[in-house]
């Protein structure tokens, strides 16, 4: 088989290893999965660094860590996605489900499920995929993060939080805003 096939299979196997390690973790921690993927390593459940790294099947030099959404338990829906490839390949993204199975799903399906689960993962959406009208709304809300009135700042932040990952690509523009109040709030929203 071509090298791309071997790399794709390797990525799927890595996600399966992560899934098994999460099961072991949940057996120790009252059926709760870790809040962060790094906890599997720091607590000795999965220590090999390379298992956490996705390799682009079309370009082996393009690598990144698998993305992960914590806060789930064994009681959650089996169709819950816990971890996934950080990027798409040929329009699909490999995803690890709560019950341990891994499959490559169309990007549209992944984004829909991630939004439903309120994933807070940076880099998941490109700015171009956020409608222009929504981008404008996000920028107006970001400006309100620097308002004089506390209530105005609080309400703007709540609205941006509710937008979830849709807001992330636009929020990135304001990470280094001159206004310290805006900068601090944006970084909190981005999980920095």
C-alpha atoms as a PDB file:
ATOM      1  CA  UNK A   1       0.000   0.000   0.000  1.00  0.00           C
ATOM      2  CA  UNK A   2       1.112   3.609  -0.558  1.00  0.00           C
ATOM      3  CA  UNK A   3       2.726   5.391   2.413  1.00  0.00           C
ATOM      4  CA  UNK A   4      -0.359   7.560   2.842  1.00  0.00           C
ATOM      5  CA  UNK A   5      -2.375   4.465   3.730  1.00  0.00           C
ATOM      6  CA  UNK A   6       0.128   3.383   6.388  1.00  0.00           C
ATOM      7  CA  UNK A   7       0.180   6.866   7.945  1.00  0.00           C
ATOM      8  CA  UNK A   8      -3.614   7.027   7.988  1.00  0.00           C
ATOM      9  CA  UNK A   9      -3.808   3.634   9.710  1.00  0.00           C
ATOM     10  CA  UNK A  10      -1.102   4.716  12.166  1.00  0.00           C
ATOM     11  CA  UNK A  11      -3.155   7.807  13.096  1.00  0.00           C
ATOM     12  CA  UNK A  12      -6.236   5.660  13.674  1.00  0.00           C
ATOM     13  CA  UNK A  13      -4.210   3.249  15.840  1.00  0.00           C
ATOM     14  CA  UNK A  14      -2.891   6.170  17.892  1.00  0.00           C
ATOM     15  CA  UNK A  15      -6.442   7.344  18.557  1.00  0.00           C
ATOM     16  CA  UNK A  16      -7.376   3.795  19.591  1.00  0.00           C
ATOM     17  CA  UNK A  17      -4.441   3.739  22.032  1.00  0.00           C
ATOM     18  CA  UNK A  18      -5.590   7.082  23.434  1.00  0.00           C
ATOM     19  CA  UNK A  19      -9.098   5.619  23.789  1.00  0.00           C
ATOM     20  CA  UNK A  20      -7.823   2.554  25.689  1.00  0.00           C
ATOM     21  CA  UNK A  21      -5.750   4.766  27.973  1.00  0.00           C
ATOM     22  CA  UNK A  22      -8.805   6.917  28.667  1.00  0.00           C
ATOM     23  CA  UNK A  23     -10.746   3.811  29.658  1.00  0.00           C
ATOM     24  CA  UNK A  24      -7.987   2.865  32.120  1.00  0.00           C
ATOM     25  CA  UNK A  25      -7.994   6.432  33.431  1.00  0.00           C
ATOM     26  CA  UNK A  26     -11.776   6.408  33.907  1.00  0.00           C
ATOM     27  CA  UNK A  27     -11.562   3.094  35.799  1.00  0.00           C
ATOM     28  CA  UNK A  28      -9.295   4.806  38.336  1.00  0.00           C
ATOM     29  CA  UNK A  29     -11.124   8.165  38.440  1.00  0.00           C
ATOM     30  CA  UNK A  30     -14.816   7.302  39.049  1.00  0.00           C
ATOM     31  CA  UNK A  31     -15.685   6.838  35.353  1.00  0.00           C
ATOM     32  CA  UNK A  32     -14.478  10.365  34.482  1.00  0.00           C
ATOM     33  CA  UNK A  33     -12.252  10.998  31.484  1.00  0.00           C
ATOM     34  CA  UNK A  34      -9.303  13.382  31.912  1.00  0.00           C
ATOM     35  CA  UNK A  35      -9.872  17.115  31.582  1.00  0.00           C
ATOM     36  CA  UNK A  36      -6.776  17.411  29.395  1.00  0.00           C
ATOM     37  CA  UNK A  37      -5.098  14.866  27.154  1.00  0.00           C
ATOM     38  CA  UNK A  38      -1.765  15.535  28.875  1.00  0.00           C
ATOM     39  CA  UNK A  39      -3.122  13.952  32.064  1.00  0.00           C
ATOM     40  CA  UNK A  40      -2.849  10.528  30.421  1.00  0.00           C
ATOM     41  CA  UNK A  41       0.894  11.067  30.149  1.00  0.00           C
ATOM     42  CA  UNK A  42       1.515  12.867  33.448  1.00  0.00           C
ATOM     43  CA  UNK A  43      -0.355  10.182  35.382  1.00  0.00           C
ATOM     44  CA  UNK A  44       1.361   7.277  33.623  1.00  0.00           C
ATOM     45  CA  UNK A  45      -1.489   5.938  31.490  1.00  0.00           C
ATOM     46  CA  UNK A  46       0.116   6.639  28.098  1.00  0.00           C
ATOM     47  CA  UNK A  47       3.710   7.833  28.207  1.00  0.00           C
ATOM     48  CA  UNK A  48       4.926   7.617  24.572  1.00  0.00           C
ATOM     49  CA  UNK A  49       5.015  11.159  23.145  1.00  0.00           C
ATOM     50  CA  UNK A  50       4.563  10.038  19.532  1.00  0.00           C
ATOM     51  CA  UNK A  51       1.110   8.585  20.264  1.00  0.00           C
ATOM     52  CA  UNK A  52      -0.252  12.104  20.812  1.00  0.00           C
ATOM     53  CA  UNK A  53       0.993  13.322  17.422  1.00  0.00           C
ATOM     54  CA  UNK A  54      -1.082  13.195  14.241  1.00  0.00           C
ATOM     55  CA  UNK A  55       0.882  12.918  10.985  1.00  0.00           C
ATOM     56  CA  UNK A  56      -0.607  14.236   7.748  1.00  0.00           C
ATOM     57  CA  UNK A  57      -0.882  11.201   5.415  1.00  0.00           C
ATOM     58  CA  UNK A  58      -0.208  13.423   2.392  1.00  0.00           C
ATOM     59  CA  UNK A  59       2.758  15.264   3.936  1.00  0.00           C
ATOM     60  CA  UNK A  60       4.581  13.464   6.777  1.00  0.00           C
ATOM     61  CA  UNK A  61       6.392  16.682   7.744  1.00  0.00           C
ATOM     62  CA  UNK A  62       3.021  18.226   8.686  1.00  0.00           C
ATOM     63  CA  UNK A  63       2.355  17.086  12.254  1.00  0.00           C
ATOM     64  CA  UNK A  64       0.270  18.360  15.174  1.00  0.00           C
ATOM     65  CA  UNK A  65      -1.160  17.087  18.450  1.00  0.00           C
ATOM     66  CA  UNK A  66      -4.534  15.364  18.404  1.00  0.00           C
ATOM     67  CA  UNK A  67      -7.288  17.672  19.621  1.00  0.00           C
ATOM     68  CA  UNK A  68      -9.271  16.718  22.698  1.00  0.00           C
ATOM     69  CA  UNK A  69     -12.383  17.834  24.555  1.00  0.00           C
ATOM     70  CA  UNK A  70     -12.408  16.956  28.244  1.00  0.00           C
ATOM     71  CA  UNK A  71     -15.159  16.910  30.827  1.00  0.00           C
ATOM     72  CA  UNK A  72     -16.948  13.705  29.806  1.00  0.00           C
ATOM     73  CA  UNK A  73     -17.767  10.557  31.753  1.00  0.00           C
ATOM     74  CA  UNK A  74     -18.614   6.944  30.903  1.00  0.00           C
ATOM     75  CA  UNK A  75     -22.274   7.952  31.340  1.00  0.00           C
ATOM     76  CA  UNK A  76     -22.263  10.303  28.336  1.00  0.00           C
ATOM     77  CA  UNK A  77     -23.688   9.395  24.906  1.00  0.00           C
ATOM     78  CA  UNK A  78     -21.573   6.821  23.014  1.00  0.00           C
ATOM     79  CA  UNK A  79     -21.670   9.125  19.963  1.00  0.00           C
ATOM     80  CA  UNK A  80     -19.708  11.760  21.900  1.00  0.00           C
ATOM     81  CA  UNK A  81     -16.377  12.559  20.228  1.00  0.00           C
ATOM     82  CA  UNK A  82     -13.514  12.725  22.733  1.00  0.00           C
ATOM     83  CA  UNK A  83     -10.506  13.280  20.468  1.00  0.00           C
ATOM     84  CA  UNK A  84      -9.816  13.830  16.795  1.00  0.00           C
ATOM     85  CA  UNK A  85      -7.202  14.578  14.178  1.00  0.00           C
ATOM     86  CA  UNK A  86      -6.244  18.270  14.311  1.00  0.00           C
ATOM     87  CA  UNK A  87      -6.777  18.639  10.552  1.00  0.00           C
ATOM     88  CA  UNK A  88      -8.767  17.055   7.777  1.00  0.00           C
ATOM     89  CA  UNK A  89      -7.351  14.741   5.176  1.00  0.00           C
ATOM     90  CA  UNK A  90      -9.236  14.250   1.904  1.00  0.00           C
ATOM     91  CA  UNK A  91     -12.307  15.896   3.458  1.00  0.00           C
ATOM     92  CA  UNK A  92     -12.489  13.633   6.506  1.00  0.00           C
ATOM     93  CA  UNK A  93     -11.220  13.738  10.054  1.00  0.00           C
ATOM     94  CA  UNK A  94     -10.414  10.704  12.208  1.00  0.00           C
ATOM     95  CA  UNK A  95     -12.429  10.841  15.440  1.00  0.00           C
ATOM     96  CA  UNK A  96     -12.339   8.852  18.688  1.00  0.00           C
ATOM     97  CA  UNK A  97     -15.756   8.212  20.180  1.00  0.00           C
ATOM     98  CA  UNK A  98     -16.654   7.710  23.839  1.00  0.00           C
ATOM     99  CA  UNK A  99     -17.131   3.960  23.427  1.00  0.00           C
ATOM    100  CA  UNK A 100     -13.577   3.624  22.031  1.00  0.00           C
ATOM    101  CA  UNK A 101     -14.300   3.204  18.331  1.00  0.00           C
ATOM    102  CA  UNK A 102     -12.477   5.353  15.812  1.00  0.00           C
ATOM    103  CA  UNK A 103     -13.675   6.318  12.362  1.00  0.00           C
ATOM    104  CA  UNK A 104     -12.971   8.899   9.697  1.00  0.00           C
ATOM    105  CA  UNK A 105     -15.969  11.161   9.297  1.00  0.00           C
ATOM    106  CA  UNK A 106     -16.744  13.956   6.815  1.00  0.00           C
ATOM    107  CA  UNK A 107     -15.556  17.347   8.095  1.00  0.00           C
ATOM    108  CA  UNK A 108     -19.115  18.758   8.032  1.00  0.00           C
ATOM    109  CA  UNK A 109     -20.250  15.950  10.335  1.00  0.00           C
ATOM    110  CA  UNK A 110     -17.304  16.524  12.680  1.00  0.00           C
ATOM    111  CA  UNK A 111     -17.925  20.288  12.891  1.00  0.00           C
ATOM    112  CA  UNK A 112     -21.646  19.740  13.551  1.00  0.00           C
ATOM    113  CA  UNK A 113     -20.921  17.251  16.339  1.00  0.00           C
ATOM    114  CA  UNK A 114     -18.166  19.425  17.830  1.00  0.00           C
ATOM    115  CA  UNK A 115     -20.524  22.425  17.908  1.00  0.00           C
ATOM    116  CA  UNK A 116     -23.256  20.309  19.486  1.00  0.00           C
ATOM    117  CA  UNK A 117     -20.773  19.210  22.156  1.00  0.00           C
ATOM    118  CA  UNK A 118     -19.576  22.832  22.529  1.00  0.00           C
ATOM    119  CA  UNK A 119     -15.956  21.992  21.736  1.00  0.00           C
ATOM    120  CA  UNK A 120     -13.610  24.799  22.660  1.00  0.00           C
ATOM    121  CA  UNK A 121     -10.695  23.945  20.415  1.00  0.00           C
ATOM    122  CA  UNK A 122      -8.725  26.648  18.672  1.00  0.00           C
ATOM    123  CA  UNK A 123      -7.887  26.185  15.038  1.00  0.00           C
ATOM    124  CA  UNK A 124     -10.902  23.995  14.393  1.00  0.00           C
ATOM    125  CA  UNK A 125     -12.555  26.509  12.065  1.00  0.00           C
ATOM    126  CA  UNK A 126     -11.060  28.803   9.464  1.00  0.00           C
ATOM    127  CA  UNK A 127     -12.190  32.431   9.510  1.00  0.00           C
ATOM    128  CA  UNK A 128     -13.559  32.045   5.953  1.00  0.00           C
ATOM    129  CA  UNK A 129     -16.056  29.462   7.209  1.00  0.00           C
ATOM    130  CA  UNK A 130     -17.584  31.973   9.643  1.00  0.00           C
ATOM    131  CA  UNK A 131     -20.255  34.058   7.864  1.00  0.00           C
ATOM    132  CA  UNK A 132     -19.264  37.728   7.343  1.00  0.00           C
ATOM    133  CA  UNK A 133     -22.292  38.912   9.327  1.00  0.00           C
ATOM    134  CA  UNK A 134     -21.244  36.733  12.282  1.00  0.00           C
ATOM    135  CA  UNK A 135     -17.671  38.022  12.021  1.00  0.00           C
ATOM    136  CA  UNK A 136     -18.961  41.607  12.240  1.00  0.00           C
ATOM    137  CA  UNK A 137     -21.109  40.721  15.254  1.00  0.00           C
ATOM    138  CA  UNK A 138     -18.099  39.120  16.986  1.00  0.00           C
ATOM    139  CA  UNK A 139     -15.944  42.201  16.350  1.00  0.00           C
ATOM    140  CA  UNK A 140     -18.648  44.484  17.818  1.00  0.00           C
ATOM    141  CA  UNK A 141     -18.879  42.269  20.906  1.00  0.00           C
ATOM    142  CA  UNK A 142     -15.088  42.262  21.283  1.00  0.00           C
ATOM    143  CA  UNK A 143     -15.110  46.086  21.321  1.00  0.00           C
ATOM    144  CA  UNK A 144     -17.685  45.933  24.138  1.00  0.00           C
ATOM    145  CA  UNK A 145     -15.223  43.862  26.201  1.00  0.00           C
ATOM    146  CA  UNK A 146     -13.444  47.183  26.795  1.00  0.00           C
ATOM    147  CA  UNK A 147     -16.586  49.126  27.764  1.00  0.00           C
ATOM    148  CA  UNK A 148     -16.628  51.279  30.893  1.00  0.00           C
ATOM    149  CA  UNK A 149     -19.642  49.510  32.427  1.00  0.00           C
ATOM    150  CA  UNK A 150     -18.988  46.099  33.984  1.00  0.00           C
ATOM    151  CA  UNK A 151     -22.421  44.798  32.916  1.00  0.00           C
ATOM    152  CA  UNK A 152     -21.717  45.642  29.268  1.00  0.00           C
ATOM    153  CA  UNK A 153     -18.371  43.807  29.397  1.00  0.00           C
ATOM    154  CA  UNK A 154     -19.930  40.816  31.172  1.00  0.00           C
ATOM    155  CA  UNK A 155     -22.835  40.541  28.705  1.00  0.00           C
ATOM    156  CA  UNK A 156     -20.511  40.778  25.684  1.00  0.00           C
ATOM    157  CA  UNK A 157     -18.291  38.049  27.116  1.00  0.00           C
ATOM    158  CA  UNK A 158     -21.306  35.788  27.770  1.00  0.00           C
ATOM    159  CA  UNK A 159     -22.503  36.243  24.185  1.00  0.00           C
ATOM    160  CA  UNK A 160     -19.040  35.426  22.824  1.00  0.00           C
ATOM    161  CA  UNK A 161     -18.820  32.334  25.070  1.00  0.00           C
ATOM    162  CA  UNK A 162     -22.208  31.179  23.760  1.00  0.00           C
ATOM    163  CA  UNK A 163     -20.904  31.393  20.171  1.00  0.00           C
ATOM    164  CA  UNK A 164     -18.265  28.794  21.041  1.00  0.00           C
ATOM    165  CA  UNK A 165     -15.792  27.783  18.341  1.00  0.00           C
ATOM    166  CA  UNK A 166     -17.488  30.012  15.734  1.00  0.00           C
ATOM    167  CA  UNK A 167     -15.981  33.012  17.524  1.00  0.00           C
ATOM    168  CA  UNK A 168     -12.430  31.629  17.812  1.00  0.00           C
ATOM    169  CA  UNK A 169     -11.039  32.535  14.363  1.00  0.00           C
ATOM    170  CA  UNK A 170     -12.141  36.161  14.794  1.00  0.00           C
ATOM    171  CA  UNK A 171     -11.090  36.345  18.468  1.00  0.00           C
ATOM    172  CA  UNK A 172      -7.562  35.424  17.352  1.00  0.00           C
ATOM    173  CA  UNK A 173      -7.356  38.889  15.753  1.00  0.00           C
ATOM    174  CA  UNK A 174      -7.644  40.512  19.198  1.00  0.00           C
ATOM    175  CA  UNK A 175      -5.212  38.374  21.226  1.00  0.00           C
ATOM    176  CA  UNK A 176      -2.763  41.274  21.382  1.00  0.00           C
ATOM    177  CA  UNK A 177      -5.285  44.127  21.583  1.00  0.00           C
ATOM    178  CA  UNK A 178      -3.942  47.388  22.982  1.00  0.00           C
ATOM    179  CA  UNK A 179      -6.760  47.592  25.542  1.00  0.00           C
ATOM    180  CA  UNK A 180      -5.663  45.311  28.432  1.00  0.00           C
ATOM    181  CA  UNK A 181      -9.279  44.526  29.377  1.00  0.00           C
ATOM    182  CA  UNK A 182     -10.049  43.343  25.814  1.00  0.00           C
ATOM    183  CA  UNK A 183      -6.775  41.433  25.563  1.00  0.00           C
ATOM    184  CA  UNK A 184      -7.348  39.637  28.897  1.00  0.00           C
ATOM    185  CA  UNK A 185     -10.969  38.699  28.089  1.00  0.00           C
ATOM    186  CA  UNK A 186     -10.103  37.472  24.587  1.00  0.00           C
ATOM    187  CA  UNK A 187      -7.306  35.291  25.933  1.00  0.00           C
ATOM    188  CA  UNK A 188      -9.654  33.834  28.549  1.00  0.00           C
ATOM    189  CA  UNK A 189     -12.233  33.088  25.852  1.00  0.00           C
ATOM    190  CA  UNK A 190      -9.531  31.352  23.787  1.00  0.00           C
ATOM    191  CA  UNK A 191      -8.515  29.276  26.799  1.00  0.00           C
ATOM    192  CA  UNK A 192      -5.031  30.761  27.119  1.00  0.00           C
END
